[in-house]
Amino acid sequence: MPARDGLLMRFVIRWVVSTAAVAFTTWLLNPYIRIEGADYLSTVVLVGLVLGLLNALLRPIIIFLTLPATLITFGLFLIVINAGMLWLTDMIVPAFAIESFGWALLGALLISIVSTILYAMLKA
């Protein structure tokens, strides 16, 4: 059971960090990346969950399939993959809206930076 508890705790921490990063990004890049509707908190939590699940389940497959492009670009193509995951989240969650793929690219970059900072703060 301790290993299972640790796995669950890591998932919850990743979910909270992802949700916080999405909330910051929607605040900073509003109106280009936004939460629509009255229930902001539940929508941003749902976006964090969907994005986390897509990153855990679909992203590794996409990275494997695009490995040549990732290697040629020295890993910069991973930003495009992250933007694709964010764009897919936009398609899945109706109250989450992104104006264009360019804004998804900027949003994915910002979410990555904020998540890295938050993980560093949690480890300290």
C-alpha atoms as a PDB file:
ATOM      1  CA  MET A   1       0.000   0.000   0.000  1.00  0.00           C
ATOM      2  CA  PRO A   2       2.767   2.604   0.647  1.00  0.00           C
ATOM      3  CA  ALA A   3       3.855   2.494  -3.001  1.00  0.00           C
ATOM      4  CA  ARG A   4       0.264   3.017  -4.101  1.00  0.00           C
ATOM      5  CA  ASP A   5      -0.147   5.930  -1.689  1.00  0.00           C
ATOM      6  CA  GLY A   6       3.026   7.523  -3.055  1.00  0.00           C
ATOM      7  CA  LEU A   7       1.765   7.163  -6.611  1.00  0.00           C
ATOM      8  CA  LEU A   8      -1.566   8.731  -5.700  1.00  0.00           C
ATOM      9  CA  MET A   9       0.165  11.592  -3.892  1.00  0.00           C
ATOM     10  CA  ARG A  10       2.412  12.268  -6.906  1.00  0.00           C
ATOM     11  CA  PHE A  11      -0.650  12.326  -9.160  1.00  0.00           C
ATOM     12  CA  VAL A  12      -2.443  14.795  -6.873  1.00  0.00           C
ATOM     13  CA  ILE A  13       0.642  17.033  -6.702  1.00  0.00           C
ATOM     14  CA  ARG A  14       0.975  16.997 -10.496  1.00  0.00           C
ATOM     15  CA  TRP A  15      -2.723  17.783 -10.825  1.00  0.00           C
ATOM     16  CA  VAL A  16      -2.513  20.739  -8.429  1.00  0.00           C
ATOM     17  CA  VAL A  17       0.621  22.102 -10.127  1.00  0.00           C
ATOM     18  CA  SER A  18      -0.938  21.699 -13.577  1.00  0.00           C
ATOM     19  CA  THR A  19      -4.130  23.400 -12.419  1.00  0.00           C
ATOM     20  CA  ALA A  20      -2.196  26.297 -10.888  1.00  0.00           C
ATOM     21  CA  ALA A  21      -0.136  26.700 -14.078  1.00  0.00           C
ATOM     22  CA  VAL A  22      -3.280  26.685 -16.228  1.00  0.00           C
ATOM     23  CA  ALA A  23      -4.962  29.217 -13.914  1.00  0.00           C
ATOM     24  CA  PHE A  24      -1.942  31.535 -14.122  1.00  0.00           C
ATOM     25  CA  THR A  25      -1.763  31.158 -17.904  1.00  0.00           C
ATOM     26  CA  THR A  26      -5.460  31.898 -18.397  1.00  0.00           C
ATOM     27  CA  TRP A  27      -5.099  34.941 -16.149  1.00  0.00           C
ATOM     28  CA  LEU A  28      -2.036  36.241 -17.995  1.00  0.00           C
ATOM     29  CA  LEU A  29      -3.115  35.490 -21.572  1.00  0.00           C
ATOM     30  CA  ASN A  30      -6.789  36.365 -21.227  1.00  0.00           C
ATOM     31  CA  PRO A  31      -8.690  36.843 -23.655  1.00  0.00           C
ATOM     32  CA  TYR A  32      -6.606  34.637 -25.967  1.00  0.00           C
ATOM     33  CA  ILE A  33      -6.635  31.648 -23.619  1.00  0.00           C
ATOM     34  CA  ARG A  34      -9.643  31.813 -21.343  1.00  0.00           C
ATOM     35  CA  ILE A  35     -12.121  30.025 -19.153  1.00  0.00           C
ATOM     36  CA  GLU A  36     -15.657  30.801 -20.310  1.00  0.00           C
ATOM     37  CA  GLY A  37     -18.714  30.585 -18.109  1.00  0.00           C
ATOM     38  CA  ALA A  38     -19.510  31.380 -14.518  1.00  0.00           C
ATOM     39  CA  ASP A  39     -17.844  28.451 -12.745  1.00  0.00           C
ATOM     40  CA  TYR A  40     -14.172  29.365 -13.118  1.00  0.00           C
ATOM     41  CA  LEU A  41     -12.735  27.139 -10.366  1.00  0.00           C
ATOM     42  CA  SER A  42     -14.336  23.864 -11.407  1.00  0.00           C
ATOM     43  CA  THR A  43     -13.478  24.509 -15.056  1.00  0.00           C
ATOM     44  CA  VAL A  44      -9.821  25.262 -14.361  1.00  0.00           C
ATOM     45  CA  VAL A  45      -9.614  22.115 -12.167  1.00  0.00           C
ATOM     46  CA  LEU A  46     -11.177  20.095 -15.003  1.00  0.00           C
ATOM     47  CA  VAL A  47      -8.730  21.595 -17.521  1.00  0.00           C
ATOM     48  CA  GLY A  48      -5.841  20.664 -15.208  1.00  0.00           C
ATOM     49  CA  LEU A  49      -7.158  17.104 -14.922  1.00  0.00           C
ATOM     50  CA  VAL A  50      -7.737  16.639 -18.657  1.00  0.00           C
ATOM     51  CA  LEU A  51      -4.356  18.151 -19.521  1.00  0.00           C
ATOM     52  CA  GLY A  52      -2.670  15.918 -16.950  1.00  0.00           C
ATOM     53  CA  LEU A  53      -4.366  12.802 -18.292  1.00  0.00           C
ATOM     54  CA  LEU A  54      -3.500  13.686 -21.892  1.00  0.00           C
ATOM     55  CA  ASN A  55       0.121  14.312 -20.889  1.00  0.00           C
ATOM     56  CA  ALA A  56       0.258  10.994 -19.028  1.00  0.00           C
ATOM     57  CA  LEU A  57      -1.485   8.812 -21.608  1.00  0.00           C
ATOM     58  CA  LEU A  58      -1.208  10.346 -25.081  1.00  0.00           C
ATOM     59  CA  ARG A  59       1.928  12.508 -24.937  1.00  0.00           C
ATOM     60  CA  PRO A  60       4.428   9.591 -24.604  1.00  0.00           C
ATOM     61  CA  ILE A  61       2.977   7.958 -27.726  1.00  0.00           C
ATOM     62  CA  ILE A  62       3.152  11.224 -29.686  1.00  0.00           C
ATOM     63  CA  ILE A  63       6.733  11.809 -28.512  1.00  0.00           C
ATOM     64  CA  PHE A  64       7.710   8.328 -29.684  1.00  0.00           C
ATOM     65  CA  LEU A  65       6.053   8.801 -33.077  1.00  0.00           C
ATOM     66  CA  THR A  66       7.700  12.194 -33.610  1.00  0.00           C
ATOM     67  CA  LEU A  67      11.117  11.227 -32.257  1.00  0.00           C
ATOM     68  CA  PRO A  68      12.972  12.075 -35.495  1.00  0.00           C
ATOM     69  CA  ALA A  69      11.532  15.613 -35.528  1.00  0.00           C
ATOM     70  CA  THR A  70      12.345  16.008 -31.843  1.00  0.00           C
ATOM     71  CA  LEU A  71      15.939  14.900 -32.366  1.00  0.00           C
ATOM     72  CA  ILE A  72      16.451  17.106 -35.433  1.00  0.00           C
ATOM     73  CA  THR A  73      15.161  20.167 -33.559  1.00  0.00           C
ATOM     74  CA  PHE A  74      17.178  19.299 -30.441  1.00  0.00           C
ATOM     75  CA  GLY A  75      13.990  18.857 -28.409  1.00  0.00           C
ATOM     76  CA  LEU A  76      12.276  22.096 -29.423  1.00  0.00           C
ATOM     77  CA  PHE A  77       9.531  20.090 -31.132  1.00  0.00           C
ATOM     78  CA  LEU A  78       8.386  19.064 -27.633  1.00  0.00           C
ATOM     79  CA  ILE A  79       6.945  22.572 -27.267  1.00  0.00           C
ATOM     80  CA  VAL A  80       4.793  21.905 -30.324  1.00  0.00           C
ATOM     81  CA  ILE A  81       3.674  18.602 -28.782  1.00  0.00           C
ATOM     82  CA  ASN A  82       2.789  20.405 -25.545  1.00  0.00           C
ATOM     83  CA  ALA A  83       0.818  22.968 -27.553  1.00  0.00           C
ATOM     84  CA  GLY A  84      -1.003  20.116 -29.265  1.00  0.00           C
ATOM     85  CA  MET A  85      -1.956  18.641 -25.885  1.00  0.00           C
ATOM     86  CA  LEU A  86      -3.245  22.053 -24.783  1.00  0.00           C
ATOM     87  CA  TRP A  87      -5.154  22.456 -28.058  1.00  0.00           C
ATOM     88  CA  LEU A  88      -6.676  18.988 -27.597  1.00  0.00           C
ATOM     89  CA  THR A  89      -7.700  19.983 -24.066  1.00  0.00           C
ATOM     90  CA  ASP A  90      -9.458  22.981 -25.628  1.00  0.00           C
ATOM     91  CA  MET A  91     -11.415  20.603 -27.858  1.00  0.00           C
ATOM     92  CA  ILE A  92     -12.390  18.322 -24.960  1.00  0.00           C
ATOM     93  CA  VAL A  93     -13.372  20.905 -22.327  1.00  0.00           C
ATOM     94  CA  PRO A  94     -16.149  23.127 -23.719  1.00  0.00           C
ATOM     95  CA  ALA A  95     -15.620  26.057 -21.323  1.00  0.00           C
ATOM     96  CA  PHE A  96     -11.891  26.296 -22.147  1.00  0.00           C
ATOM     97  CA  ALA A  97     -11.084  28.387 -25.214  1.00  0.00           C
ATOM     98  CA  ILE A  98      -7.880  29.118 -27.128  1.00  0.00           C
ATOM     99  CA  GLU A  99      -7.961  31.619 -29.991  1.00  0.00           C
ATOM    100  CA  SER A 100      -5.356  29.967 -32.249  1.00  0.00           C
ATOM    101  CA  PHE A 101      -2.565  27.410 -32.298  1.00  0.00           C
ATOM    102  CA  GLY A 102      -0.056  30.228 -31.888  1.00  0.00           C
ATOM    103  CA  TRP A 103      -1.642  31.140 -28.559  1.00  0.00           C
ATOM    104  CA  ALA A 104      -1.661  27.443 -27.635  1.00  0.00           C
ATOM    105  CA  LEU A 105       2.079  27.417 -28.348  1.00  0.00           C
ATOM    106  CA  LEU A 106       2.683  30.419 -26.100  1.00  0.00           C
ATOM    107  CA  GLY A 107       0.342  29.001 -23.453  1.00  0.00           C
ATOM    108  CA  ALA A 108       2.106  25.635 -23.474  1.00  0.00           C
ATOM    109  CA  LEU A 109       5.473  27.347 -23.078  1.00  0.00           C
ATOM    110  CA  LEU A 110       4.159  29.427 -20.188  1.00  0.00           C
ATOM    111  CA  ILE A 111       2.527  26.408 -18.511  1.00  0.00           C
ATOM    112  CA  SER A 112       5.831  24.526 -18.776  1.00  0.00           C
ATOM    113  CA  ILE A 113       7.769  27.405 -17.207  1.00  0.00           C
ATOM    114  CA  VAL A 114       5.266  27.914 -14.377  1.00  0.00           C
ATOM    115  CA  SER A 115       5.097  24.164 -13.684  1.00  0.00           C
ATOM    116  CA  THR A 116       8.892  23.942 -13.516  1.00  0.00           C
ATOM    117  CA  ILE A 117       9.023  26.832 -11.044  1.00  0.00           C
ATOM    118  CA  LEU A 118       6.266  25.329  -8.888  1.00  0.00           C
ATOM    119  CA  TYR A 119       7.927  21.885  -8.828  1.00  0.00           C
ATOM    120  CA  ALA A 120      11.225  23.515  -7.827  1.00  0.00           C
ATOM    121  CA  MET A 121       9.464  25.360  -5.016  1.00  0.00           C
ATOM    122  CA  LEU A 122       7.816  22.140  -3.802  1.00  0.00           C
ATOM    123  CA  LYS A 123      11.131  20.273  -3.744  1.00  0.00           C
ATOM    124  CA  ALA A 124      12.850  23.039  -1.752  1.00  0.00           C
END
